[in-house]
N, C-alpha and C. Protein backbone atom coordinates (compact mmCIF):
# COMPACT_ATOMS: atom_id res chain seq x y z
N UNK A 1 -24.15 54.58 73.83
CA UNK A 1 -22.71 54.60 73.83
C UNK A 1 -22.16 54.84 72.43
N UNK A 2 -22.67 54.08 71.48
CA UNK A 2 -22.19 54.22 70.10
C UNK A 2 -22.46 55.61 69.55
N UNK A 3 -23.63 56.15 69.84
CA UNK A 3 -24.00 57.47 69.33
C UNK A 3 -23.10 58.54 69.92
N UNK A 4 -22.93 58.52 71.23
CA UNK A 4 -22.09 59.53 71.89
C UNK A 4 -20.65 59.40 71.42
N UNK A 5 -20.16 58.18 71.31
CA UNK A 5 -18.78 57.97 70.86
C UNK A 5 -18.57 58.46 69.43
N UNK A 6 -19.62 58.47 68.65
CA UNK A 6 -19.51 58.89 67.27
C UNK A 6 -19.39 60.40 67.09
N UNK A 7 -19.74 61.15 68.12
CA UNK A 7 -19.60 62.60 68.03
C UNK A 7 -18.14 63.00 68.02
N UNK A 8 -17.84 64.07 67.37
CA UNK A 8 -16.47 64.59 67.35
C UNK A 8 -16.19 65.29 68.67
N UNK A 9 -14.93 65.30 69.07
CA UNK A 9 -14.54 65.91 70.33
C UNK A 9 -14.93 67.38 70.42
N UNK A 10 -14.93 68.07 69.31
CA UNK A 10 -15.24 69.49 69.34
C UNK A 10 -16.72 69.80 69.50
N UNK A 11 -17.54 68.74 69.56
CA UNK A 11 -18.97 68.95 69.76
C UNK A 11 -19.19 69.65 71.09
N UNK A 12 -19.95 70.69 71.07
CA UNK A 12 -20.22 71.43 72.29
C UNK A 12 -21.07 70.63 73.25
N UNK A 13 -20.83 70.79 74.53
CA UNK A 13 -21.58 70.07 75.55
C UNK A 13 -23.07 70.34 75.42
N UNK A 14 -23.45 71.56 75.06
CA UNK A 14 -24.86 71.91 74.91
C UNK A 14 -25.51 71.11 73.79
N UNK A 15 -24.79 70.92 72.69
CA UNK A 15 -25.33 70.14 71.57
C UNK A 15 -25.55 68.68 71.99
N UNK A 16 -24.59 68.12 72.71
CA UNK A 16 -24.71 66.74 73.16
C UNK A 16 -25.86 66.61 74.15
N UNK A 17 -26.00 67.55 75.06
CA UNK A 17 -27.09 67.52 76.02
C UNK A 17 -28.43 67.57 75.29
N UNK A 18 -28.54 68.45 74.31
CA UNK A 18 -29.77 68.55 73.51
C UNK A 18 -30.08 67.22 72.83
N UNK A 19 -29.07 66.64 72.22
CA UNK A 19 -29.27 65.38 71.53
C UNK A 19 -29.78 64.31 72.49
N UNK A 20 -29.12 64.17 73.63
CA UNK A 20 -29.49 63.13 74.58
C UNK A 20 -30.87 63.37 75.20
N UNK A 21 -31.21 64.61 75.45
CA UNK A 21 -32.48 64.92 76.10
C UNK A 21 -33.66 65.00 75.13
N UNK A 22 -33.41 65.49 73.92
CA UNK A 22 -34.51 65.77 73.00
C UNK A 22 -34.65 64.78 71.85
N UNK A 23 -33.55 64.24 71.37
CA UNK A 23 -33.61 63.37 70.20
C UNK A 23 -33.72 61.90 70.60
N UNK A 24 -32.88 61.44 71.51
CA UNK A 24 -32.87 60.03 71.88
C UNK A 24 -34.25 59.55 72.37
N UNK A 25 -34.98 60.33 73.18
CA UNK A 25 -36.29 59.86 73.64
C UNK A 25 -37.31 59.61 72.52
N UNK A 26 -37.06 60.10 71.33
CA UNK A 26 -37.97 59.87 70.21
C UNK A 26 -37.87 58.43 69.70
N UNK A 27 -36.84 57.71 70.13
CA UNK A 27 -36.61 56.35 69.68
C UNK A 27 -36.83 55.37 70.83
N UNK A 28 -37.18 54.15 70.48
CA UNK A 28 -37.30 53.11 71.50
C UNK A 28 -35.89 52.65 71.87
N UNK A 29 -35.61 52.66 73.15
CA UNK A 29 -34.31 52.21 73.63
C UNK A 29 -34.49 50.79 74.16
N UNK A 30 -33.72 49.87 73.62
CA UNK A 30 -33.83 48.46 73.99
C UNK A 30 -32.80 48.16 75.07
N UNK A 31 -33.26 47.52 76.13
CA UNK A 31 -32.39 47.22 77.26
C UNK A 31 -31.31 46.21 76.93
N UNK A 32 -30.26 46.29 77.73
CA UNK A 32 -29.12 45.37 77.63
C UNK A 32 -28.99 44.71 78.99
N UNK A 33 -29.43 43.46 79.07
CA UNK A 33 -29.42 42.75 80.34
C UNK A 33 -28.46 41.58 80.35
N UNK A 34 -28.69 40.68 81.30
CA UNK A 34 -27.82 39.53 81.47
C UNK A 34 -27.76 38.63 80.23
N UNK A 35 -28.90 38.29 79.61
CA UNK A 35 -28.81 37.43 78.41
C UNK A 35 -27.99 38.07 77.30
N UNK A 36 -28.19 39.37 77.08
CA UNK A 36 -27.44 40.08 76.04
C UNK A 36 -25.95 40.13 76.39
N UNK A 37 -25.66 40.38 77.66
CA UNK A 37 -24.26 40.45 78.09
C UNK A 37 -23.56 39.11 77.93
N UNK A 38 -24.25 38.03 78.28
CA UNK A 38 -23.65 36.69 78.14
C UNK A 38 -23.38 36.36 76.68
N UNK A 39 -24.36 36.62 75.80
CA UNK A 39 -24.16 36.34 74.38
C UNK A 39 -23.08 37.24 73.80
N UNK A 40 -23.08 38.50 74.17
CA UNK A 40 -22.04 39.42 73.68
C UNK A 40 -20.66 38.95 74.10
N UNK A 41 -20.53 38.50 75.34
CA UNK A 41 -19.24 37.99 75.81
C UNK A 41 -18.80 36.76 75.05
N UNK A 42 -19.74 35.89 74.75
CA UNK A 42 -19.44 34.68 73.97
C UNK A 42 -18.96 35.05 72.57
N UNK A 43 -19.69 35.95 71.92
CA UNK A 43 -19.31 36.40 70.58
C UNK A 43 -17.95 37.07 70.60
N UNK A 44 -17.75 37.96 71.58
CA UNK A 44 -16.49 38.69 71.69
C UNK A 44 -15.31 37.73 71.85
N UNK A 45 -15.48 36.73 72.73
CA UNK A 45 -14.40 35.75 72.98
C UNK A 45 -14.08 34.95 71.72
N UNK A 46 -15.11 34.52 71.00
CA UNK A 46 -14.87 33.75 69.77
C UNK A 46 -14.16 34.60 68.72
N UNK A 47 -14.55 35.85 68.60
CA UNK A 47 -13.88 36.74 67.64
C UNK A 47 -12.44 37.00 68.06
N UNK A 48 -12.22 37.22 69.34
CA UNK A 48 -10.86 37.44 69.85
C UNK A 48 -9.98 36.21 69.57
N UNK A 49 -10.52 35.03 69.84
CA UNK A 49 -9.76 33.79 69.64
C UNK A 49 -9.40 33.57 68.18
N UNK A 50 -10.22 34.09 67.28
CA UNK A 50 -9.94 33.94 65.85
C UNK A 50 -9.27 35.20 65.28
N UNK A 51 -8.85 36.09 66.17
CA UNK A 51 -8.16 37.34 65.80
C UNK A 51 -8.96 38.19 64.81
N UNK A 52 -10.26 38.30 65.09
CA UNK A 52 -11.16 39.09 64.26
C UNK A 52 -11.85 40.14 65.11
N UNK A 53 -11.11 40.88 65.86
CA UNK A 53 -11.68 41.87 66.78
C UNK A 53 -12.59 42.85 66.08
N UNK A 54 -13.72 43.15 66.74
CA UNK A 54 -14.62 44.18 66.22
C UNK A 54 -15.01 45.18 67.30
N UNK A 55 -14.67 44.95 68.53
CA UNK A 55 -15.00 45.88 69.60
C UNK A 55 -16.18 45.44 70.43
N UNK A 56 -16.20 45.93 71.65
CA UNK A 56 -17.22 45.55 72.61
C UNK A 56 -18.61 46.06 72.20
N UNK A 57 -18.68 47.30 71.76
CA UNK A 57 -19.99 47.88 71.43
C UNK A 57 -20.69 47.09 70.32
N UNK A 58 -19.97 46.75 69.27
CA UNK A 58 -20.59 46.01 68.17
C UNK A 58 -21.05 44.62 68.59
N UNK A 59 -20.30 43.96 69.48
CA UNK A 59 -20.75 42.65 69.94
C UNK A 59 -22.01 42.78 70.79
N UNK A 60 -22.11 43.85 71.57
CA UNK A 60 -23.32 44.09 72.35
C UNK A 60 -24.53 44.38 71.48
N UNK A 61 -24.31 45.16 70.44
CA UNK A 61 -25.38 45.46 69.49
C UNK A 61 -25.84 44.19 68.79
N UNK A 62 -24.89 43.38 68.36
CA UNK A 62 -25.23 42.13 67.67
C UNK A 62 -25.98 41.17 68.58
N UNK A 63 -25.53 41.04 69.82
CA UNK A 63 -26.19 40.14 70.76
C UNK A 63 -27.62 40.59 71.02
N UNK A 64 -27.80 41.87 71.22
CA UNK A 64 -29.14 42.40 71.48
C UNK A 64 -30.06 42.18 70.29
N UNK A 65 -29.58 42.49 69.11
CA UNK A 65 -30.39 42.31 67.90
C UNK A 65 -30.73 40.83 67.70
N UNK A 66 -29.76 39.97 67.90
CA UNK A 66 -29.97 38.54 67.71
C UNK A 66 -31.04 38.01 68.66
N UNK A 67 -30.93 38.36 69.93
CA UNK A 67 -31.89 37.86 70.93
C UNK A 67 -33.28 38.47 70.77
N UNK A 68 -33.34 39.68 70.26
CA UNK A 68 -34.63 40.37 70.10
C UNK A 68 -35.24 40.13 68.72
N UNK A 69 -34.52 39.45 67.84
CA UNK A 69 -35.01 39.21 66.48
C UNK A 69 -35.08 40.48 65.65
N UNK A 70 -34.12 41.37 65.87
CA UNK A 70 -34.09 42.65 65.18
C UNK A 70 -33.01 42.69 64.10
N UNK A 71 -33.12 43.62 63.20
CA UNK A 71 -32.14 43.82 62.14
C UNK A 71 -31.15 44.90 62.57
N UNK A 72 -29.87 44.65 62.37
CA UNK A 72 -28.85 45.67 62.62
C UNK A 72 -28.74 46.52 61.37
N UNK A 73 -29.01 47.80 61.50
CA UNK A 73 -28.90 48.74 60.39
C UNK A 73 -27.59 49.49 60.57
N UNK A 74 -26.67 49.30 59.64
CA UNK A 74 -25.32 49.82 59.77
C UNK A 74 -24.70 50.00 58.39
N UNK A 75 -23.63 50.75 58.34
CA UNK A 75 -22.86 50.79 57.09
C UNK A 75 -21.58 49.96 57.27
N UNK A 76 -21.39 49.42 58.47
CA UNK A 76 -20.20 48.62 58.77
C UNK A 76 -20.55 47.13 58.73
N UNK A 77 -20.92 46.67 57.56
CA UNK A 77 -21.31 45.27 57.42
C UNK A 77 -20.17 44.32 57.72
N UNK A 78 -18.95 44.74 57.45
CA UNK A 78 -17.77 43.88 57.61
C UNK A 78 -17.68 43.30 59.02
N UNK A 79 -17.86 44.13 60.03
CA UNK A 79 -17.77 43.65 61.42
C UNK A 79 -18.87 42.64 61.72
N UNK A 80 -20.08 42.97 61.37
CA UNK A 80 -21.20 42.11 61.72
C UNK A 80 -21.24 40.82 60.90
N UNK A 81 -20.70 40.85 59.70
CA UNK A 81 -20.61 39.62 58.89
C UNK A 81 -19.69 38.60 59.54
N UNK A 82 -18.72 39.06 60.32
CA UNK A 82 -17.84 38.14 61.05
C UNK A 82 -18.63 37.34 62.08
N UNK A 83 -19.61 37.97 62.67
CA UNK A 83 -20.46 37.31 63.66
C UNK A 83 -21.35 36.27 62.98
N UNK A 84 -21.90 36.62 61.84
CA UNK A 84 -22.71 35.67 61.07
C UNK A 84 -21.87 34.48 60.66
N UNK A 85 -20.62 34.73 60.27
CA UNK A 85 -19.72 33.65 59.85
C UNK A 85 -19.46 32.67 60.99
N UNK A 86 -19.59 33.12 62.23
CA UNK A 86 -19.43 32.23 63.39
C UNK A 86 -20.67 31.38 63.64
N UNK A 87 -21.75 31.65 62.90
CA UNK A 87 -22.97 30.86 63.02
C UNK A 87 -24.08 31.51 63.83
N UNK A 88 -23.93 32.76 64.19
CA UNK A 88 -24.99 33.45 64.95
C UNK A 88 -26.02 34.03 64.00
N UNK A 89 -27.30 33.90 64.37
CA UNK A 89 -28.36 34.45 63.51
C UNK A 89 -28.41 35.97 63.66
N UNK A 90 -28.17 36.66 62.59
CA UNK A 90 -28.15 38.11 62.64
C UNK A 90 -28.57 38.64 61.28
N UNK A 91 -29.53 39.53 61.29
CA UNK A 91 -30.00 40.16 60.06
C UNK A 91 -29.34 41.53 59.94
N UNK A 92 -28.83 41.83 58.75
CA UNK A 92 -28.14 43.11 58.51
C UNK A 92 -28.81 43.88 57.39
N UNK A 93 -28.75 45.19 57.51
CA UNK A 93 -29.19 46.07 56.44
C UNK A 93 -28.24 47.26 56.39
N UNK A 94 -27.74 47.56 55.20
CA UNK A 94 -26.86 48.71 55.03
C UNK A 94 -27.70 49.95 54.86
N UNK A 95 -27.61 50.89 55.80
CA UNK A 95 -28.43 52.10 55.73
C UNK A 95 -28.05 52.98 54.55
N UNK A 96 -26.87 52.81 54.01
CA UNK A 96 -26.46 53.60 52.84
C UNK A 96 -27.22 53.18 51.59
N UNK A 97 -27.81 51.98 51.60
CA UNK A 97 -28.56 51.49 50.46
C UNK A 97 -30.05 51.80 50.56
N UNK A 98 -30.45 52.41 51.66
CA UNK A 98 -31.88 52.66 51.88
C UNK A 98 -32.38 53.81 51.03
């Protein structure tokens, strides 16, 4: 979802199809199930209540990474640091510093 949403509208359908069929399968895709959805909903609600919205996709990514013990690699540390500030265990790495 995040990858497709990041494409510009003018991206040709053929380019998007190529990306989804040829590039995405080169990576491990981690499932998003009930435990991830429940944690994402909890995180989302706490952020909403504190008026620190970051969006549904980022809360799902954070919940998945947290439950799987994975590091979120992003350049948008600001959003994910809000989740850490709420007390959730989340490891971050800025890909721009790699």
